[in-house]
Every structure is written in C-alpha cells, then in structure tokens.
C-alpha cells in the first residue's frame, strides 16, 4: 500500500508552513514502512482525534447547551417522583372584635358597655394522596423516557460535530500531502528546465523543447499556489474545531490510517442489525414512540378516582369580654370519582392515538432512511477500495515508465517533453491515490457514525 510522508515545521507567525518533502514512497517501500510504522501512526492519529473530541466535549457551545437539557430532564424525573408526597400547610388569622353589652340599672335605665378583643386562630393541615391508580407512575415514566431521549440527542449532536472535526483534520492532512507532491514535482520540473537549457546550448534540443519545459514549470508553480491556498483554507476550517497549537499533535510522517478493522470484519447485514441498536437517530425515533404511548396512558387515567386523606388541627383564642379557647381536630378521607367527563378528555385521547401512529411511521421511515444511507456508504466504501488498489498499481506502473523514459532521455532517444509528460502522469496518479485514501477514510467514519460506533469506539 502506498504511503505519503511529510515533515511539518510549524512557524509561529500565522499559518506559514515550511514543508520539507521526503518524496513519495514507492509501492514496495510503502509496504515495508507501513508494516513497521502502522502501529505508531495509529497511536498518533488516535491521540490527535482524542484531543479533538475532548476539546469539543468541553468547548463546543451547542453540545454544552444541549447538556443543560440533561439537568432539566433529571429535575423533571424528581418532580414526577414527588407528585404524591405529603403536603403540610399552615394558616394564622387574627380578627379584631368589638362588642356592645347593655346592663339594666335600678330605675329601669340602660347602661351600655363596650368591649373589644381579638379572635386568633391557628391551623395546621396535612394532605396525602393514598391512591391515584397509577397516574404518578405514568408521569415518572414519561419523565424517564424524556431523559433517555435527551441523552440520544446529545450523543447524536456530539457525533455530528466530531465527524465534522475529523473531516477537517484529514482534509488538512490531504492538503499537506498534495502540497508536498507538487513541491517535489516542481523540483523535478526545474531540473528538466536546466537540462533543456544545457542541451539547447550544445545543439541537442531545439527552442520548442525549452519553451515546453518553461511552460511546464510555470504551470507547476500555478498548481502549487492553488494547493497552498487550499491548505490555508483547510487549516482555517480546522481551527473551528481544534484547540490552539493543535498542529503540534500532527504526526511527523503522515500516513493515512487504515479504516476501522472492526468495520471491515462484519457484513453489511450485521452492520444494519447493529445500526438498529446503536444508532442514536434510530433510538430517538423509537423513543418518541414510547413517549407517545406513555402520554396516552396518562390521558387514559385522567378520569380515574382519587383517594386522599387530610388531617387538620386548629386552635382558636378569643380575648374579648368572654375569653375562650377552642381546639378542633379533623380527619377526612375523600374518594373522588368523576361521573361525567367533558369531550375535551376524549378528544385528547384520540389526538394522542394519532400521535402514536405518527411516531411509529416516523420510526419506520427513520429506520429505512438510515439503513439506505448505510448501504449506500458501505457500497461506496468498497468501490473506493477497488479503485484504490487499481490506482496504486497505476502508480507503480507510472514509476517504471518514468524510469524508462529518463534512461531513454539520457541516451538521446526521448525528448524533454516526453519525460515531462511521464512526470506529470506520475504526479496525477499519486494525487489520485491520496484523494482516494482520504475519501475512503472519511467514508469509513461516515459508516461508523451511521452504525452508532463513532464515539463508542473512540476512533481507533
């Protein structure tokens, strides 16, 4: 398997990068070095992607905001669990009283006396629902299902963000590899131009050969400028997801990691079965159906009886003309049985039944959609695998043809233009290998994301 090697020297000012090319390894050398350094390179990529995930986990605004929903869901569960807890209430009332009392005198006259006082009443009430026929349990169930759905949503958003960060990371590596190859090609073009000038001086070339070499060098400079511009854009995009100085975690010698061995070790049918269990998108759709059923269960219990016990103790004190104290204690057991419900309750039940049907249809649609996406990505991945194998063989063939063209050029059988043509074909073949390796790697991450393994496997 061909491998691309780069040495990265990061300059502190801005995004300037000095790339010291080490050349594009031959097929044999790539295989030898790949065997020796595969484990080390996998560890480097694992470390870099783990740093990305940890940074996004702490700093991504959308993920952090969604985590607030987790706390809200937990409080909803606690609230539902305390629905039928005892309640204690107290009251205190003070009433000012004014009384007029008539007294009879000796000669049948009336003498009026006025008295004022206060009526003070304090009471304490304890209320507890003894039976609600399952309404509390239904509310707890709804809150718990909502909490589970929240976790699926957080995971889904985290995986989507992490997939975008992975794409930015490997897009940058691809741009670096392409810049390196163009710089290598530019050095070759410069050498060929100098050879063409020397041959023209001794009469072995005509001016046309020199003009072609100069045009090839100019085109090479233009292509290199475009690749460097793409590299700068890729680095700027990576900064959205990565912490400062993330470049220090780039491997010194970049080799695109092989796709997940776990993904390669299963069939499409097995992957689709795993997807039904592990995919957060599918799990969320299934959870919506369960929530709709729990809501219907709660609505069906609206008209169920209530059994409530109330204990009330009150003490009153009157400080008027005739002072008095009074203590009263009562215990009340109340059974409430709805005899006739309004049409609203029935309408709510019918509406919720429609919601269940809708949720089921949405779940089936999500299942079909995700399964189709997985199948398409799976097939594209294996097509890229076949393409990559053919492109690597093409690179090997182009390297052989270039060597032959160079030897023919040295003995005067080939012109400079023929050697430059072989150089350009080899460059195109090498660039195709880089792009296919990149596309296949991202396709493998897309597949693991669709299955639901992206975070669980921690990107090995």
Protein backbone atom coordinates (compact mmCIF):
# COMPACT_ATOMS: atom_id res chain seq x y z
CA UNK A 1 0.00 0.00 0.00
CA UNK A 2 1.43 3.39 -0.98
CA UNK A 3 2.08 5.86 1.79
CA UNK A 4 2.55 9.61 1.83
CA UNK A 5 5.28 11.04 4.04
CA UNK A 6 5.60 14.67 5.18
CA UNK A 7 7.76 16.56 7.61
CA UNK A 8 5.91 19.51 9.12
CA UNK A 9 7.73 22.52 10.52
CA UNK A 10 5.21 24.92 12.01
CA UNK A 11 6.17 28.60 12.02
CA UNK A 12 4.59 30.68 14.84
CA UNK A 13 3.57 33.57 12.56
CA UNK A 14 0.07 32.95 11.21
CA UNK A 15 -0.40 29.83 9.14
CA UNK A 16 3.00 29.77 7.40
CA UNK A 17 4.23 26.27 6.98
CA UNK A 18 7.58 25.04 5.82
CA UNK A 19 7.17 21.63 4.26
CA UNK A 20 10.31 19.60 3.81
CA UNK A 21 9.45 16.97 1.23
CA UNK A 22 10.64 13.45 1.68
CA UNK A 23 9.26 12.20 -1.58
CA UNK A 24 6.52 9.84 -2.49
CA UNK A 25 7.47 6.31 -1.46
CA UNK A 26 7.38 3.51 -3.98
CA UNK A 27 4.86 0.73 -3.58
CA UNK A 28 7.44 -1.64 -2.11
CA UNK A 29 8.89 0.94 0.27
CA UNK A 30 5.38 2.00 1.34
CA UNK A 31 4.54 -1.59 2.22
CA UNK A 32 7.75 -2.08 4.20
CA UNK A 33 7.44 1.15 6.17
CA UNK A 34 3.69 0.63 6.60
CA UNK A 35 4.30 -2.67 8.37
CA UNK A 36 6.93 -1.15 10.65
CA UNK A 37 5.20 2.11 11.50
CA UNK A 38 1.48 1.28 11.27
CA UNK A 39 1.01 0.85 15.00
CA UNK A 40 2.87 4.06 15.83
CA UNK A 41 0.94 6.03 13.22
CA UNK A 42 -2.37 4.68 14.51
CA UNK A 43 -1.41 5.81 18.00
CA UNK A 44 -0.57 9.31 16.72
CA UNK A 45 -3.90 9.63 14.96
CA UNK A 46 -5.71 8.19 17.96
CA UNK A 47 -4.07 10.80 20.20
CA UNK A 48 -4.91 13.66 17.83
CA UNK A 49 -8.54 12.65 17.41
CA UNK A 50 -8.90 12.03 21.16
CA UNK A 51 -7.66 15.59 21.78
CA UNK A 52 -10.22 16.88 19.27
CA UNK A 53 -13.04 15.00 21.00
CA UNK A 54 -12.01 16.16 24.44
CA UNK A 55 -11.78 19.79 23.28
CA UNK A 56 -15.18 19.69 21.59
CA UNK A 57 -16.64 17.95 24.62
CA UNK A 58 -15.55 20.89 26.80
CA UNK A 59 -15.80 23.86 24.46
CA UNK A 60 -18.41 23.33 21.74
CA UNK A 61 -21.25 25.73 22.50
CA UNK A 62 -24.08 23.65 21.04
CA UNK A 63 -23.02 20.49 22.87
CA UNK A 64 -22.71 22.40 26.15
CA UNK A 65 -26.12 23.98 25.65
CA UNK A 66 -27.73 20.60 24.97
CA UNK A 67 -26.20 19.23 28.17
CA UNK A 68 -28.34 21.70 30.07
CA UNK A 69 -31.31 19.67 28.86
CA UNK A 70 -29.87 16.74 30.80
CA UNK A 71 -30.24 18.64 34.07
CA UNK A 72 -33.74 19.75 33.13
CA UNK A 73 -34.73 16.14 32.39
CA UNK A 74 -33.33 14.95 35.72
CA UNK A 75 -35.33 17.59 37.58
CA UNK A 76 -38.46 16.53 35.70
CA UNK A 77 -37.97 12.99 36.99
CA UNK A 78 -37.54 14.21 40.56
CA UNK A 79 -40.65 16.35 40.23
CA UNK A 80 -42.70 13.40 38.96
CA UNK A 81 -41.41 11.20 41.79
CA UNK A 82 -42.61 13.73 44.37
CA UNK A 83 -46.10 14.13 42.88
CA UNK A 84 -47.96 12.38 45.71
CA UNK A 85 -45.66 13.36 48.55
CA UNK A 86 -47.44 14.65 51.66
CA UNK A 87 -48.11 18.38 51.80
CA UNK A 88 -48.25 20.37 55.01
CA UNK A 89 -49.84 23.80 55.13
CA UNK A 90 -50.48 26.21 57.96
CA UNK A 91 -52.61 29.28 58.44
CA UNK A 92 -52.92 32.03 61.01
CA UNK A 93 -55.82 34.52 61.20
CA UNK A 94 -56.39 37.46 63.52
CA UNK A 95 -59.84 39.11 63.72
CA UNK A 96 -60.50 42.22 65.74
CA UNK A 97 -63.91 42.17 67.53
CA UNK A 98 -66.00 44.96 69.11
CA UNK A 99 -68.95 44.05 71.41
CA UNK A 100 -71.68 46.27 72.94
CA UNK A 101 -73.27 44.89 76.17
CA UNK A 102 -76.39 46.53 77.77
CA UNK A 103 -76.83 46.32 81.55
CA UNK A 104 -80.14 47.21 83.42
CA UNK A 105 -79.94 49.93 86.21
CA UNK A 106 -82.05 50.28 89.37
CA UNK A 107 -84.60 52.72 87.95
CA UNK A 108 -85.01 50.71 84.71
CA UNK A 109 -82.40 52.68 82.86
CA UNK A 110 -79.84 51.07 80.48
CA UNK A 111 -76.09 51.40 80.74
CA UNK A 112 -74.06 50.38 77.70
CA UNK A 113 -70.54 48.97 77.94
CA UNK A 114 -68.26 48.25 75.00
CA UNK A 115 -65.60 45.59 74.87
CA UNK A 116 -63.06 44.93 72.13
CA UNK A 117 -60.88 41.91 71.66
CA UNK A 118 -59.25 39.62 69.14
CA UNK A 119 -60.07 36.22 67.69
CA UNK A 120 -56.82 34.37 67.00
CA UNK A 121 -56.99 31.11 65.01
CA UNK A 122 -54.02 28.89 64.03
CA UNK A 123 -54.40 25.72 61.96
CA UNK A 124 -52.14 23.01 60.54
CA UNK A 125 -53.19 20.73 57.66
CA UNK A 126 -51.58 17.52 56.36
CA UNK A 127 -52.72 16.15 52.99
CA UNK A 128 -51.63 12.87 51.38
CA UNK A 129 -52.87 11.08 48.30
CA UNK A 130 -53.23 7.42 49.18
CA UNK A 131 -54.08 6.08 45.73
CA UNK A 132 -54.06 7.67 42.28
CA UNK A 133 -54.44 4.46 40.26
CA UNK A 134 -51.05 4.73 38.52
CA UNK A 135 -51.02 8.38 37.45
CA UNK A 136 -47.81 9.08 39.35
CA UNK A 137 -46.07 6.09 37.79
CA UNK A 138 -47.12 7.26 34.33
CA UNK A 139 -45.68 10.72 34.95
CA UNK A 140 -42.41 9.21 36.16
CA UNK A 141 -42.29 7.00 33.07
CA UNK A 142 -42.78 10.00 30.78
CA UNK A 143 -40.02 11.94 32.53
CA UNK A 144 -37.64 8.99 32.34
CA UNK A 145 -38.31 8.48 28.63
CA UNK A 146 -37.71 12.18 28.05
CA UNK A 147 -34.36 11.91 29.85
CA UNK A 148 -33.33 8.98 27.67
CA UNK A 149 -34.33 10.90 24.53
CA UNK A 150 -32.24 13.82 25.74
CA UNK A 151 -29.19 11.55 26.05
CA UNK A 152 -29.71 10.26 22.50
CA UNK A 153 -29.96 13.84 21.19
CA UNK A 154 -26.77 14.87 22.98
CA UNK A 155 -24.94 11.88 21.58
CA UNK A 156 -26.28 12.49 18.08
CA UNK A 157 -25.14 16.12 18.13
CA UNK A 158 -21.75 15.19 19.60
CA UNK A 159 -21.15 12.58 16.90
CA UNK A 160 -22.17 15.00 14.13
CA UNK A 161 -19.79 17.65 15.46
CA UNK A 162 -16.99 15.16 15.90
CA UNK A 163 -17.47 13.82 12.36
CA UNK A 164 -17.13 17.36 11.03
CA UNK A 165 -13.94 17.82 13.09
CA UNK A 166 -12.50 14.56 11.76
CA UNK A 167 -13.25 15.69 8.22
CA UNK A 168 -11.45 18.99 8.86
CA UNK A 169 -8.45 17.17 10.36
CA UNK A 170 -7.96 14.74 7.50
CA UNK A 171 -8.75 17.38 4.88
CA UNK A 172 -5.79 19.31 6.24
CA UNK A 173 -3.56 16.23 6.03
CA UNK A 174 -4.68 15.63 2.46
CA UNK A 175 -3.84 19.23 1.53
CA UNK A 176 -0.43 18.87 3.14
CA UNK A 177 0.24 15.71 1.15
CA UNK A 178 -0.82 17.37 -2.09
CA UNK A 179 1.41 20.39 -1.44
CA UNK A 180 4.33 18.06 -0.76
CA UNK A 181 3.81 16.20 -4.03
CA UNK A 182 3.55 19.42 -6.04
CA UNK A 183 6.74 20.72 -4.45
CA UNK A 184 8.51 17.51 -5.34
CA UNK A 185 7.20 17.78 -8.91
CA UNK A 186 8.27 21.42 -9.10
CA UNK A 187 11.81 20.44 -8.19
CA UNK A 188 11.82 17.88 -10.98
CA UNK A 189 10.48 20.42 -13.47
CA UNK A 190 13.22 22.86 -12.50
CA UNK A 191 15.84 20.17 -13.10
CA UNK A 192 14.38 19.33 -16.50
CA UNK A 193 14.36 23.00 -17.48
CA UNK A 194 18.04 23.29 -16.65
CA UNK A 195 18.76 20.14 -18.67
CA UNK A 196 16.80 21.55 -21.61
CA UNK A 197 18.83 24.77 -21.46
CA UNK A 198 22.09 22.84 -21.43
CA UNK A 199 21.03 20.66 -24.36
CA UNK A 200 19.95 23.71 -26.34
CA UNK A 201 23.40 25.23 -25.87
CA UNK A 202 25.09 22.14 -27.32
CA UNK A 203 22.52 21.68 -30.08
CA UNK A 204 20.77 18.59 -28.71
CA UNK A 205 17.43 20.40 -28.24
CA UNK A 206 15.52 22.98 -30.17
CA UNK A 207 13.86 26.09 -28.74
CA UNK A 208 10.47 24.32 -28.69
CA UNK A 209 11.67 21.83 -26.09
CA UNK A 210 12.92 24.67 -23.91
CA UNK A 211 9.62 26.55 -24.26
CA UNK A 212 7.68 23.44 -23.24
CA UNK A 213 9.87 23.00 -20.17
CA UNK A 214 9.39 26.66 -19.20
CA UNK A 215 5.62 26.38 -19.66
CA UNK A 216 5.55 23.20 -17.54
CA UNK A 217 7.45 24.95 -14.77
CA UNK A 218 5.07 27.93 -14.86
CA UNK A 219 2.07 25.58 -14.71
CA UNK A 220 3.68 23.73 -11.80
CA UNK A 221 4.11 26.99 -9.87
CA UNK A 222 0.48 27.88 -10.52
CA UNK A 223 -0.72 24.46 -9.32
CA UNK A 224 1.43 24.72 -6.19
CA UNK A 225 -0.05 28.14 -5.38
CA UNK A 226 -3.56 26.70 -5.68
CA UNK A 227 -2.68 23.79 -3.41
CA UNK A 228 -1.20 26.12 -0.79
CA UNK A 229 -4.35 28.22 -0.91
CA UNK A 230 -6.42 25.08 -0.34
CA UNK A 231 -4.12 24.16 2.55
CA UNK A 232 -4.59 27.55 4.19
CA UNK A 233 -8.37 27.21 3.85
CA UNK A 234 -8.23 23.72 5.39
CA UNK A 235 -6.18 24.98 8.33
CA UNK A 236 -8.61 27.82 8.96
CA UNK A 237 -11.52 25.38 8.93
CA UNK A 238 -9.69 23.07 11.35
CA UNK A 239 -9.26 25.94 13.81
CA UNK A 240 -13.05 25.95 14.29
CA UNK A 241 -12.84 22.54 15.95
CA UNK A 242 -9.32 22.26 17.31
CA UNK A 243 -7.61 23.91 20.32
CA UNK A 244 -4.72 26.31 19.95
CA UNK A 245 -1.40 24.78 18.93
CA UNK A 246 -3.16 21.63 17.79
CA UNK A 247 -0.59 21.38 14.99
CA UNK A 248 1.95 20.02 17.47
CA UNK A 249 -0.09 16.81 17.56
CA UNK A 250 0.28 16.25 13.82
CA UNK A 251 2.45 13.22 13.05
CA UNK A 252 5.93 13.97 11.77
CA UNK A 253 5.45 11.43 9.00
CA UNK A 254 1.84 11.39 7.89
CA UNK A 255 0.28 8.12 6.82
CA UNK A 256 -3.45 7.98 6.35
CA UNK A 257 -4.72 5.42 8.89
CA UNK A 258 -6.40 2.29 7.64
CA UNK A 259 -10.19 2.12 8.00
CA UNK A 260 -11.54 0.55 11.16
CA UNK A 261 -10.67 -3.14 11.34
CA UNK A 262 -13.90 -3.69 13.25
CA UNK A 263 -15.90 -2.29 10.36
CA UNK A 264 -14.07 -4.48 7.86
CA UNK A 265 -14.70 -7.58 9.92
CA UNK A 266 -18.51 -7.61 9.57
CA UNK A 267 -21.01 -7.94 6.75
CA UNK A 268 -23.47 -5.29 5.63
CA UNK A 269 -26.33 -7.29 7.12
CA UNK A 270 -24.61 -7.42 10.51
CA UNK A 271 -23.86 -3.69 10.31
CA UNK A 272 -27.53 -2.94 9.63
CA UNK A 273 -28.55 -5.04 12.65
CA UNK A 274 -26.04 -3.17 14.83
CA UNK A 275 -27.39 0.11 13.48
CA UNK A 276 -30.90 -0.68 14.76
CA UNK A 277 -29.47 -0.95 18.27
CA UNK A 278 -26.67 1.60 18.38
CA UNK A 279 -27.71 4.47 16.10
CA UNK A 280 -28.81 7.49 18.20
CA UNK A 281 -31.02 8.75 15.35
CA UNK A 282 -32.96 5.47 15.24
CA UNK A 283 -33.03 5.24 19.03
CA UNK A 284 -34.50 8.74 19.23
CA UNK A 285 -37.26 7.85 16.78
CA UNK A 286 -38.06 4.69 18.75
CA UNK A 287 -38.05 6.69 21.97
CA UNK A 288 -40.58 9.11 20.52
CA UNK A 289 -42.99 6.19 20.03
CA UNK A 290 -42.53 5.06 23.62
CA UNK A 291 -43.11 8.61 24.88
CA UNK A 292 -46.31 8.91 22.85
CA UNK A 293 -47.60 5.64 24.37
CA UNK A 294 -46.76 6.84 27.88
CA UNK A 295 -48.63 10.08 27.24
CA UNK A 296 -51.68 8.10 26.12
CA UNK A 297 -51.52 6.01 29.28
CA UNK A 298 -51.54 9.18 31.36
CA UNK A 299 -54.51 10.60 29.46
CA UNK A 300 -56.44 7.39 30.00
CA UNK A 301 -56.00 7.80 33.75
CA UNK A 302 -57.34 11.37 33.91
CA UNK A 303 -60.82 10.21 34.94
CA UNK A 304 -59.62 7.58 37.43
CA UNK A 305 -60.61 8.03 41.12
CA UNK A 306 -58.54 9.81 43.74
CA UNK A 307 -58.24 8.68 47.36
CA UNK A 308 -56.94 11.47 49.62
CA UNK A 309 -56.61 11.73 53.38
CA UNK A 310 -56.49 15.11 55.13
CA UNK A 311 -55.64 15.80 58.78
CA UNK A 312 -56.48 19.24 60.15
CA UNK A 313 -55.78 20.68 63.61
CA UNK A 314 -56.85 24.22 64.58
CA UNK A 315 -56.78 26.19 67.81
CA UNK A 316 -58.58 29.48 68.35
CA UNK A 317 -58.40 32.04 71.13
CA UNK A 318 -60.87 34.87 71.81
CA UNK A 319 -59.63 37.74 74.02
CA UNK A 320 -62.91 39.69 74.16
CA UNK A 321 -65.36 40.17 77.05
CA UNK A 322 -65.78 36.44 77.38
CA UNK A 323 -62.42 34.85 76.77
CA UNK A 324 -62.43 31.40 75.27
CA UNK A 325 -60.13 28.74 73.85
CA UNK A 326 -61.11 26.13 71.33
CA UNK A 327 -59.13 23.24 69.77
CA UNK A 328 -60.54 21.25 66.86
CA UNK A 329 -59.01 18.22 65.10
CA UNK A 330 -60.48 16.59 61.99
CA UNK A 331 -59.51 13.66 59.78
CA UNK A 332 -61.06 13.41 56.34
CA UNK A 333 -60.80 10.66 53.75
CA UNK A 334 -62.03 11.75 50.34
CA UNK A 335 -62.72 9.48 47.39
CA UNK A 336 -63.24 11.46 44.20
CA UNK A 337 -64.87 9.58 41.34
CA UNK A 338 -65.51 11.51 38.11
CA UNK A 339 -69.02 10.72 36.92
CA UNK A 340 -69.08 12.61 33.66
CA UNK A 341 -66.06 13.90 31.73
CA UNK A 342 -66.07 16.59 29.10
CA UNK A 343 -65.48 15.95 25.43
CA UNK A 344 -62.03 17.53 25.79
CA UNK A 345 -60.63 14.46 27.54
CA UNK A 346 -61.89 12.12 24.83
CA UNK A 347 -60.53 14.41 22.16
CA UNK A 348 -57.11 14.44 23.86
CA UNK A 349 -57.07 10.63 23.88
CA UNK A 350 -57.93 10.40 20.19
CA UNK A 351 -55.32 13.00 19.33
CA UNK A 352 -52.67 11.10 21.27
CA UNK A 353 -53.58 7.90 19.46
CA UNK A 354 -52.88 9.74 16.22
CA UNK A 355 -49.56 10.88 17.65
CA UNK A 356 -48.62 7.25 18.35
CA UNK A 357 -49.43 6.29 14.76
CA UNK A 358 -47.37 9.21 13.51
CA UNK A 359 -44.42 8.28 15.75
CA UNK A 360 -44.49 4.70 14.51
CA UNK A 361 -44.46 5.85 10.88
CA UNK A 362 -41.60 8.23 11.60
CA UNK A 363 -39.65 5.43 13.27
CA UNK A 364 -40.08 3.14 10.26
CA UNK A 365 -39.12 5.99 7.93
CA UNK A 366 -36.01 6.75 10.01
CA UNK A 367 -35.09 3.06 10.06
CA UNK A 368 -35.41 2.81 6.27
CA UNK A 369 -33.59 6.09 5.70
CA UNK A 370 -30.63 5.23 7.91
CA UNK A 371 -30.43 1.70 6.53
CA UNK A 372 -30.39 3.05 2.96
CA UNK A 373 -27.70 5.57 3.82
CA UNK A 374 -25.61 2.85 5.42
CA UNK A 375 -25.98 0.55 2.43
CA UNK A 376 -25.03 3.34 0.01
CA UNK A 377 -21.99 4.36 2.09
CA UNK A 378 -20.99 0.72 2.50
CA UNK A 379 -21.06 0.12 -1.26
CA UNK A 380 -19.18 3.36 -1.95
CA UNK A 381 -16.51 2.36 0.55
CA UNK A 382 -15.90 -0.99 -1.17
CA UNK A 383 -15.90 0.65 -4.61
CA UNK A 384 -13.21 3.03 -3.32
CA UNK A 385 -11.29 0.02 -2.03
CA UNK A 386 -11.23 -1.43 -5.55
CA UNK A 387 -10.36 1.94 -7.07
CA UNK A 388 -7.52 2.44 -4.59
CA UNK A 389 -6.00 -0.92 -5.44
CA UNK A 390 -6.07 -0.08 -9.16
CA UNK A 391 -4.63 3.39 -8.56
CA UNK A 392 -1.75 2.01 -6.50
CA UNK A 393 -0.90 -0.38 -9.31
CA UNK A 394 -1.07 2.55 -11.71
CA UNK A 395 1.44 4.49 -9.58
CA UNK A 396 3.80 1.51 -9.67
CA UNK A 397 3.46 1.28 -13.45
CA UNK A 398 3.98 5.03 -13.87
CA UNK A 399 7.13 4.90 -11.77
CA UNK A 400 8.50 2.17 -14.02
CA UNK A 401 7.61 4.12 -17.18
CA UNK A 402 9.25 7.26 -15.79
CA UNK A 403 12.47 5.37 -15.10
CA UNK A 404 12.47 4.04 -18.67
CA UNK A 405 11.74 7.48 -20.11
CA UNK A 406 14.57 9.00 -18.08
CA UNK A 407 17.01 6.38 -19.35
CA UNK A 408 15.83 6.93 -22.93
CA UNK A 409 16.26 10.69 -22.44
CA UNK A 410 19.82 10.23 -21.21
CA UNK A 411 20.81 8.35 -24.37
CA UNK A 412 19.02 10.82 -26.63
CA UNK A 413 16.06 8.63 -27.62
CA UNK A 414 13.45 10.73 -25.75
CA UNK A 415 12.94 14.48 -25.76
CA UNK A 416 12.45 16.57 -22.63
CA UNK A 417 8.75 16.87 -23.39
CA UNK A 418 8.31 13.07 -23.23
CA UNK A 419 9.99 12.86 -19.83
CA UNK A 420 7.88 15.79 -18.56
CA UNK A 421 4.77 14.03 -19.81
CA UNK A 422 5.65 10.92 -17.77
CA UNK A 423 6.44 13.08 -14.74
CA UNK A 424 3.03 14.73 -14.98
CA UNK A 425 1.24 11.39 -15.35
CA UNK A 426 3.02 10.03 -12.27
CA UNK A 427 2.07 13.16 -10.30
CA UNK A 428 -1.57 12.79 -11.29
CA UNK A 429 -1.53 9.11 -10.31
CA UNK A 430 -0.01 9.90 -6.91
CA UNK A 431 -2.55 12.67 -6.28
CA UNK A 432 -5.36 10.26 -7.14
CA UNK A 433 -4.06 7.78 -4.55
CA UNK A 434 -4.01 10.48 -1.87
CA UNK A 435 -7.54 11.61 -2.70
CA UNK A 436 -8.90 8.06 -2.78
CA UNK A 437 -7.25 7.18 0.55
CA UNK A 438 -8.76 10.34 2.02
CA UNK A 439 -12.23 9.65 0.58
CA UNK A 440 -12.19 6.04 1.74
CA UNK A 441 -11.11 7.03 5.27
CA UNK A 442 -13.89 9.61 5.60
CA UNK A 443 -16.36 7.12 4.17
CA UNK A 444 -15.35 4.63 6.88
CA UNK A 445 -16.03 7.27 9.55
CA UNK A 446 -19.38 8.01 7.93
CA UNK A 447 -20.24 4.31 8.17
CA UNK A 448 -19.21 4.04 11.83
CA UNK A 449 -21.25 7.16 12.54
CA UNK A 450 -24.31 5.73 10.78
CA UNK A 451 -23.99 2.49 12.75
CA UNK A 452 -23.52 4.39 16.01
CA UNK A 453 -19.94 3.36 16.77
CA UNK A 454 -18.17 6.67 16.28
CA UNK A 455 -17.94 7.67 19.93
CA UNK A 456 -18.18 4.20 21.43
CA UNK A 457 -15.01 3.06 19.66
CA UNK A 458 -13.25 6.37 20.42
CA UNK A 459 -11.92 6.46 16.87
CA UNK A 460 -9.28 3.75 16.81
